Amino acid sequence: MGSARHKVLGAAVFVYCLWVLQSYLGVLEFDRQQLLSGEIWRIWTGHLVHTNSSHFALNIVAAIIIYFTFFTRIKLGELLLYGFVFAALISVTLLCIYPRLGWYNGLSGLLHALVAYFSMRLARDENKLFWTGLIIVWVKVLVEVIRAHSGYESLVGDMRVITEAHLIGAFFGTVTAFICMAHWREKGKPERRQVEA
């Protein structure tokens, strides 16, 4: 009972902190020109702010659903570490590969990365049903890519959804999970001892 209460309290604190950060959108969002002029913190903070209340609400609802489906099984320190790493990978990739992208904000790219990674991780450690999470993320991302190439633009209100961040997030989450799983497999193998003839 206490553990469930702590998890609900943790989710509430997370939502409150994100809500407070919305007041600092101009200082925190991924802004190419400001980043290139030295405001490096935007690599991480751009994932924590949102363009408008609809964008914020959509990402918060998704984050809460994902949190109680996946992340309550993950230690907080590990979740923060992977969040920090994936946020940087997504932002730097957007910066390098999409030079015409002037700005970015929102939690969705990071959520795609975390769901892809922890789906594989939990499927390996606990329950094969978690593979469903990875399949859903990749089906969603591929549908978005196909629709974007067909000229369809995903919108939240009057704001274009930057689906490139979803693709990059799913990619890094999946690749990182494969690398970690290969490492754990190697680590789990018993050492071969040479037998002298």
C-alpha atoms as a PDB file:
ATOM      1  CA  MET A   1       0.000   0.000   0.000  1.00  0.00           C
ATOM      2  CA  GLY A   2       2.795   2.401   0.934  1.00  0.00           C
ATOM      3  CA  SER A   3       4.651   1.620  -2.277  1.00  0.00           C
ATOM      4  CA  ALA A   4       1.580   2.412  -4.407  1.00  0.00           C
ATOM      5  CA  ARG A   5       1.105   5.678  -2.517  1.00  0.00           C
ATOM      6  CA  HIS A   6       4.741   6.644  -3.174  1.00  0.00           C
ATOM      7  CA  LYS A   7       4.357   5.930  -6.882  1.00  0.00           C
ATOM      8  CA  VAL A   8       1.198   8.046  -7.122  1.00  0.00           C
ATOM      9  CA  LEU A   9       2.913  10.820  -5.159  1.00  0.00           C
ATOM     10  CA  GLY A  10       5.960  10.591  -7.457  1.00  0.00           C
ATOM     11  CA  ALA A  11       3.758  10.907 -10.550  1.00  0.00           C
ATOM     12  CA  ALA A  12       1.956  13.918  -9.023  1.00  0.00           C
ATOM     13  CA  VAL A  13       5.264  15.652  -8.210  1.00  0.00           C
ATOM     14  CA  PHE A  14       6.513  15.001 -11.760  1.00  0.00           C
ATOM     15  CA  VAL A  15       3.354  16.511 -13.302  1.00  0.00           C
ATOM     16  CA  TYR A  16       3.520  19.520 -10.977  1.00  0.00           C
ATOM     17  CA  CYS A  17       7.183  20.167 -11.803  1.00  0.00           C
ATOM     18  CA  LEU A  18       6.469  19.999 -15.544  1.00  0.00           C
ATOM     19  CA  TRP A  19       3.524  22.354 -15.085  1.00  0.00           C
ATOM     20  CA  VAL A  20       5.772  24.892 -13.299  1.00  0.00           C
ATOM     21  CA  LEU A  21       8.383  24.645 -16.076  1.00  0.00           C
ATOM     22  CA  GLN A  22       5.819  25.645 -18.727  1.00  0.00           C
ATOM     23  CA  SER A  23       6.239  29.243 -17.548  1.00  0.00           C
ATOM     24  CA  TYR A  24       9.844  29.177 -18.796  1.00  0.00           C
ATOM     25  CA  LEU A  25       9.266  27.902 -22.330  1.00  0.00           C
ATOM     26  CA  GLY A  26      11.382  30.627 -23.953  1.00  0.00           C
ATOM     27  CA  VAL A  27      14.389  29.817 -21.772  1.00  0.00           C
ATOM     28  CA  LEU A  28      14.107  26.016 -21.838  1.00  0.00           C
ATOM     29  CA  GLU A  29      12.856  24.816 -25.238  1.00  0.00           C
ATOM     30  CA  PHE A  30      15.153  23.354 -27.907  1.00  0.00           C
ATOM     31  CA  ASP A  31      16.041  26.452 -29.944  1.00  0.00           C
ATOM     32  CA  ARG A  32      18.686  25.864 -32.593  1.00  0.00           C
ATOM     33  CA  GLN A  33      20.156  29.363 -32.585  1.00  0.00           C
ATOM     34  CA  GLN A  34      20.326  29.576 -28.797  1.00  0.00           C
ATOM     35  CA  LEU A  35      21.803  26.089 -28.541  1.00  0.00           C
ATOM     36  CA  LEU A  36      24.503  26.889 -31.069  1.00  0.00           C
ATOM     37  CA  SER A  37      25.276  30.100 -29.193  1.00  0.00           C
ATOM     38  CA  GLY A  38      26.079  28.072 -26.066  1.00  0.00           C
ATOM     39  CA  GLU A  39      22.819  27.450 -24.164  1.00  0.00           C
ATOM     40  CA  ILE A  40      23.559  23.742 -23.861  1.00  0.00           C
ATOM     41  CA  TRP A  41      20.947  23.036 -21.176  1.00  0.00           C
ATOM     42  CA  ARG A  42      18.270  23.217 -23.887  1.00  0.00           C
ATOM     43  CA  ILE A  43      19.429  19.781 -25.089  1.00  0.00           C
ATOM     44  CA  TRP A  44      17.685  18.342 -22.012  1.00  0.00           C
ATOM     45  CA  THR A  45      15.142  20.955 -20.957  1.00  0.00           C
ATOM     46  CA  GLY A  46      13.510  21.116 -24.399  1.00  0.00           C
ATOM     47  CA  HIS A  47      11.878  17.770 -23.591  1.00  0.00           C
ATOM     48  CA  LEU A  48      10.265  19.154 -20.429  1.00  0.00           C
ATOM     49  CA  VAL A  49       8.311  22.103 -21.854  1.00  0.00           C
ATOM     50  CA  HIS A  50       5.372  22.240 -24.266  1.00  0.00           C
ATOM     51  CA  THR A  51       4.036  24.656 -26.856  1.00  0.00           C
ATOM     52  CA  ASN A  52       0.513  24.986 -25.446  1.00  0.00           C
ATOM     53  CA  SER A  53      -1.889  23.476 -22.920  1.00  0.00           C
ATOM     54  CA  SER A  54      -3.223  20.872 -25.391  1.00  0.00           C
ATOM     55  CA  HIS A  55       0.320  19.684 -26.115  1.00  0.00           C
ATOM     56  CA  PHE A  56       1.087  19.583 -22.379  1.00  0.00           C
ATOM     57  CA  ALA A  57      -2.119  17.690 -21.510  1.00  0.00           C
ATOM     58  CA  LEU A  58      -1.625  15.119 -24.285  1.00  0.00           C
ATOM     59  CA  ASN A  59       1.944  14.361 -23.217  1.00  0.00           C
ATOM     60  CA  ILE A  60       1.047  14.224 -19.521  1.00  0.00           C
ATOM     61  CA  VAL A  61      -1.796  11.743 -20.111  1.00  0.00           C
ATOM     62  CA  ALA A  62       0.548   9.582 -22.229  1.00  0.00           C
ATOM     63  CA  ALA A  63       3.310   9.844 -19.608  1.00  0.00           C
ATOM     64  CA  ILE A  64       0.999   8.800 -16.762  1.00  0.00           C
ATOM     65  CA  ILE A  65      -0.365   5.804 -18.687  1.00  0.00           C
ATOM     66  CA  ILE A  66       3.166   4.729 -19.626  1.00  0.00           C
ATOM     67  CA  TYR A  67       4.448   5.319 -16.093  1.00  0.00           C
ATOM     68  CA  PHE A  68       1.913   3.019 -14.468  1.00  0.00           C
ATOM     69  CA  THR A  69       2.255   0.411 -17.240  1.00  0.00           C
ATOM     70  CA  PHE A  70       6.049   0.265 -17.380  1.00  0.00           C
ATOM     71  CA  PHE A  71       8.007   2.608 -15.179  1.00  0.00           C
ATOM     72  CA  THR A  72       6.697   1.631 -11.730  1.00  0.00           C
ATOM     73  CA  ARG A  73       8.820  -1.513 -12.189  1.00  0.00           C
ATOM     74  CA  ILE A  74      11.959   0.559 -12.795  1.00  0.00           C
ATOM     75  CA  LYS A  75      14.164   2.173 -10.150  1.00  0.00           C
ATOM     76  CA  LEU A  76      13.927   5.972 -10.181  1.00  0.00           C
ATOM     77  CA  GLY A  77      17.690   6.460 -10.556  1.00  0.00           C
ATOM     78  CA  GLU A  78      17.764   4.216 -13.617  1.00  0.00           C
ATOM     79  CA  LEU A  79      14.756   5.956 -15.154  1.00  0.00           C
ATOM     80  CA  LEU A  80      16.413   9.359 -14.652  1.00  0.00           C
ATOM     81  CA  LEU A  81      19.721   8.128 -16.075  1.00  0.00           C
ATOM     82  CA  TYR A  82      18.151   6.758 -19.259  1.00  0.00           C
ATOM     83  CA  GLY A  83      15.930   9.835 -19.549  1.00  0.00           C
ATOM     84  CA  PHE A  84      19.039  12.044 -19.366  1.00  0.00           C
ATOM     85  CA  VAL A  85      20.907   9.983 -21.982  1.00  0.00           C
ATOM     86  CA  PHE A  86      17.999   9.596 -24.413  1.00  0.00           C
ATOM     87  CA  ALA A  87      17.071  13.292 -24.178  1.00  0.00           C
ATOM     88  CA  ALA A  88      20.630  14.216 -25.188  1.00  0.00           C
ATOM     89  CA  LEU A  89      20.737  11.664 -28.030  1.00  0.00           C
ATOM     90  CA  ILE A  90      17.417  12.845 -29.469  1.00  0.00           C
ATOM     91  CA  SER A  91      18.317  16.547 -29.270  1.00  0.00           C
ATOM     92  CA  VAL A  92      21.805  16.154 -30.729  1.00  0.00           C
ATOM     93  CA  THR A  93      20.436  14.013 -33.574  1.00  0.00           C
ATOM     94  CA  LEU A  94      17.751  16.615 -34.337  1.00  0.00           C
ATOM     95  CA  LEU A  95      20.446  19.280 -34.271  1.00  0.00           C
ATOM     96  CA  CYS A  96      22.732  17.393 -36.677  1.00  0.00           C
ATOM     97  CA  ILE A  97      20.351  15.635 -39.071  1.00  0.00           C
ATOM     98  CA  TYR A  98      17.565  18.212 -39.384  1.00  0.00           C
ATOM     99  CA  PRO A  99      19.308  21.570 -39.920  1.00  0.00           C
ATOM    100  CA  ARG A 100      16.025  23.245 -40.941  1.00  0.00           C
ATOM    101  CA  LEU A 101      14.412  22.357 -37.617  1.00  0.00           C
ATOM    102  CA  GLY A 102      14.562  25.617 -35.670  1.00  0.00           C
ATOM    103  CA  TRP A 103      12.845  24.514 -32.479  1.00  0.00           C
ATOM    104  CA  TYR A 104      11.505  21.510 -30.624  1.00  0.00           C
ATOM    105  CA  ASN A 105       9.754  20.903 -27.340  1.00  0.00           C
ATOM    106  CA  GLY A 106       7.745  18.167 -25.677  1.00  0.00           C
ATOM    107  CA  LEU A 107       8.046  14.878 -23.864  1.00  0.00           C
ATOM    108  CA  SER A 108       6.860  12.550 -26.630  1.00  0.00           C
ATOM    109  CA  GLY A 109      10.218  11.801 -28.285  1.00  0.00           C
ATOM    110  CA  LEU A 110      11.700  10.883 -24.915  1.00  0.00           C
ATOM    111  CA  LEU A 111       8.673   8.727 -24.054  1.00  0.00           C
ATOM    112  CA  HIS A 112       9.120   6.780 -27.305  1.00  0.00           C
ATOM    113  CA  ALA A 113      12.756   6.096 -26.384  1.00  0.00           C
ATOM    114  CA  LEU A 114      11.967   5.012 -22.829  1.00  0.00           C
ATOM    115  CA  VAL A 115       9.057   2.761 -23.848  1.00  0.00           C
ATOM    116  CA  ALA A 116      11.148   1.077 -26.571  1.00  0.00           C
ATOM    117  CA  TYR A 117      14.036   0.471 -24.174  1.00  0.00           C
ATOM    118  CA  PHE A 118      12.080  -0.651 -21.113  1.00  0.00           C
ATOM    119  CA  SER A 119       9.657  -2.800 -23.156  1.00  0.00           C
ATOM    120  CA  MET A 120      12.591  -4.922 -24.282  1.00  0.00           C
ATOM    121  CA  ARG A 121      14.177  -4.839 -20.858  1.00  0.00           C
ATOM    122  CA  LEU A 122      11.015  -5.917 -19.016  1.00  0.00           C
ATOM    123  CA  ALA A 123      10.200  -8.550 -21.654  1.00  0.00           C
ATOM    124  CA  ARG A 124      13.622 -10.051 -20.999  1.00  0.00           C
ATOM    125  CA  ASP A 125      13.429  -9.838 -17.195  1.00  0.00           C
ATOM    126  CA  GLU A 126       9.760 -10.320 -16.341  1.00  0.00           C
ATOM    127  CA  ASN A 127       6.991 -10.920 -18.830  1.00  0.00           C
ATOM    128  CA  LYS A 128       7.040 -11.494 -22.587  1.00  0.00           C
ATOM    129  CA  LEU A 129       3.831  -9.436 -22.822  1.00  0.00           C
ATOM    130  CA  PHE A 130       6.015  -6.316 -22.622  1.00  0.00           C
ATOM    131  CA  TRP A 131       7.126  -6.994 -26.220  1.00  0.00           C
ATOM    132  CA  THR A 132       3.712  -5.526 -27.079  1.00  0.00           C
ATOM    133  CA  GLY A 133       4.956  -2.122 -25.946  1.00  0.00           C
ATOM    134  CA  LEU A 134       7.832  -2.241 -28.425  1.00  0.00           C
ATOM    135  CA  ILE A 135       5.540  -3.370 -31.245  1.00  0.00           C
ATOM    136  CA  ILE A 136       3.040  -0.578 -30.530  1.00  0.00           C
ATOM    137  CA  VAL A 137       5.786   2.075 -30.489  1.00  0.00           C
ATOM    138  CA  TRP A 138       7.237   0.915 -33.811  1.00  0.00           C
ATOM    139  CA  VAL A 139       3.851   0.526 -35.537  1.00  0.00           C
ATOM    140  CA  LYS A 140       2.939   4.068 -34.398  1.00  0.00           C
ATOM    141  CA  VAL A 141       6.255   5.506 -35.594  1.00  0.00           C
ATOM    142  CA  LEU A 142       6.118   3.727 -38.970  1.00  0.00           C
ATOM    143  CA  VAL A 143       2.541   4.903 -39.567  1.00  0.00           C
ATOM    144  CA  GLU A 144       3.656   8.471 -38.771  1.00  0.00           C
ATOM    145  CA  VAL A 145       6.609   8.207 -41.176  1.00  0.00           C
ATOM    146  CA  ILE A 146       4.408   6.821 -43.987  1.00  0.00           C
ATOM    147  CA  ARG A 147       1.800   9.523 -43.442  1.00  0.00           C
ATOM    148  CA  ALA A 148       4.467  12.251 -43.382  1.00  0.00           C
ATOM    149  CA  HIS A 149       5.892  10.988 -46.703  1.00  0.00           C
ATOM    150  CA  SER A 150       2.352  11.027 -48.108  1.00  0.00           C
ATOM    151  CA  GLY A 151       2.100  14.728 -47.268  1.00  0.00           C
ATOM    152  CA  TYR A 152      -0.060  14.330 -44.161  1.00  0.00           C
ATOM    153  CA  GLU A 153       0.915  16.641 -41.299  1.00  0.00           C
ATOM    154  CA  SER A 154       0.196  15.523 -37.714  1.00  0.00           C
ATOM    155  CA  LEU A 155      -1.163  18.405 -35.640  1.00  0.00           C
ATOM    156  CA  VAL A 156      -1.949  19.119 -31.987  1.00  0.00           C
ATOM    157  CA  GLY A 157      -4.257  22.090 -32.296  1.00  0.00           C
ATOM    158  CA  ASP A 158      -2.396  24.433 -34.643  1.00  0.00           C
ATOM    159  CA  MET A 159       1.027  22.944 -33.825  1.00  0.00           C
ATOM    160  CA  ARG A 160       2.837  20.438 -36.050  1.00  0.00           C
ATOM    161  CA  VAL A 161       3.935  17.287 -34.264  1.00  0.00           C
ATOM    162  CA  ILE A 162       7.636  16.738 -34.855  1.00  0.00           C
ATOM    163  CA  THR A 163       7.366  13.040 -35.614  1.00  0.00           C
ATOM    164  CA  GLU A 164      11.101  12.892 -36.385  1.00  0.00           C
ATOM    165  CA  ALA A 165      11.695  12.999 -32.617  1.00  0.00           C
ATOM    166  CA  HIS A 166       9.417   9.967 -32.184  1.00  0.00           C
ATOM    167  CA  LEU A 167      11.401   8.005 -34.791  1.00  0.00           C
ATOM    168  CA  ILE A 168      14.758   9.003 -33.304  1.00  0.00           C
ATOM    169  CA  GLY A 169      13.544   8.156 -29.786  1.00  0.00           C
ATOM    170  CA  ALA A 170      12.226   4.720 -30.786  1.00  0.00           C
ATOM    171  CA  PHE A 171      15.467   4.039 -32.675  1.00  0.00           C
ATOM    172  CA  PHE A 172      17.788   4.922 -29.777  1.00  0.00           C
ATOM    173  CA  GLY A 173      15.626   3.117 -27.226  1.00  0.00           C
ATOM    174  CA  THR A 174      15.609  -0.066 -29.323  1.00  0.00           C
ATOM    175  CA  VAL A 175      19.310   0.025 -30.231  1.00  0.00           C
ATOM    176  CA  THR A 176      20.321   0.696 -26.618  1.00  0.00           C
ATOM    177  CA  ALA A 177      18.193  -2.243 -25.457  1.00  0.00           C
ATOM    178  CA  PHE A 178      19.824  -4.553 -28.029  1.00  0.00           C
ATOM    179  CA  ILE A 179      23.312  -3.450 -26.938  1.00  0.00           C
ATOM    180  CA  CYS A 180      22.488  -3.903 -23.247  1.00  0.00           C
ATOM    181  CA  MET A 181      20.892  -7.307 -23.843  1.00  0.00           C
ATOM    182  CA  ALA A 182      23.944  -8.497 -25.794  1.00  0.00           C
ATOM    183  CA  HIS A 183      26.181  -7.263 -22.963  1.00  0.00           C
ATOM    184  CA  TRP A 184      24.071  -8.995 -20.297  1.00  0.00           C
ATOM    185  CA  ARG A 185      24.065 -12.217 -22.355  1.00  0.00           C
ATOM    186  CA  GLU A 186      27.866 -12.160 -22.605  1.00  0.00           C
ATOM    187  CA  LYS A 187      28.200 -11.318 -18.928  1.00  0.00           C
ATOM    188  CA  GLY A 188      25.916 -14.205 -17.995  1.00  0.00           C
ATOM    189  CA  LYS A 189      27.955 -16.824 -19.861  1.00  0.00           C
ATOM    190  CA  PRO A 190      30.183 -18.981 -17.655  1.00  0.00           C
ATOM    191  CA  GLU A 191      33.871 -18.498 -18.303  1.00  0.00           C
ATOM    192  CA  ARG A 192      35.413 -21.233 -20.387  1.00  0.00           C
ATOM    193  CA  ARG A 193      38.302 -22.878 -18.685  1.00  0.00           C
ATOM    194  CA  GLN A 194      41.108 -24.304 -20.677  1.00  0.00           C
ATOM    195  CA  VAL A 195      41.755 -27.899 -19.885  1.00  0.00           C
ATOM    196  CA  GLU A 196      45.345 -28.964 -20.171  1.00  0.00           C
ATOM    197  CA  ALA A 197      45.825 -32.214 -21.997  1.00  0.00           C
END
